[in-house]
């Protein structure tokens, strides 16, 4: 499904916002157009999405329009330590797994996922027979830590510039000492 976002529209012309997107004077906006076409296919984790924050000069808030096919989710059950997330449901029905609880969700619901550990871990599931559409909004930080409590994984992302980015996913049980693989002897010729 290839829907086009033009200014304030989402998926085949449905209202996305009230005003047109205009580039302010001196802005670095390259184009206020994004294509829903970044299909992430991975079985259960299949979605159609567009990431367009840089294109509209967004620096503090991440925007990600998402389409979930029936029976799918976008990401594993996870929590964020630095980036708060919000999900306005634009179309469809499904289920929110939030910590130990589950909630029925549908069009016009707004889901708020604060930062924290497993008690605020979340997962949106399309339990409907039709495509679910929502907008993923998140605070953007230069450092992010994501935990997947069900799988025991931890992800770390640190970005200091467009050229310098660290992105790693670890199994939580692979713990090492701070001095692991470090020599306890002083280096030859001084520090």
Foldseek 3Di string as FASTA:
>chain_A
DKAKDAAQADGPRHGRDDDGQDADPPAPQPHPIWIQAPWDDDPQQTKTKTWCCVNSPHDFKTKIKIKDAANHWNDAFKFKAPKKKKKQWQAAWWWKDAQPDIDTDGHRDMDTQGHDGSNGGMITTRNDNGMTIIMIMMTDDQWMWMARVVQQKIWIWHHPDPVDIDTDMGRNVPDDDPCPPPDPDADPPGD
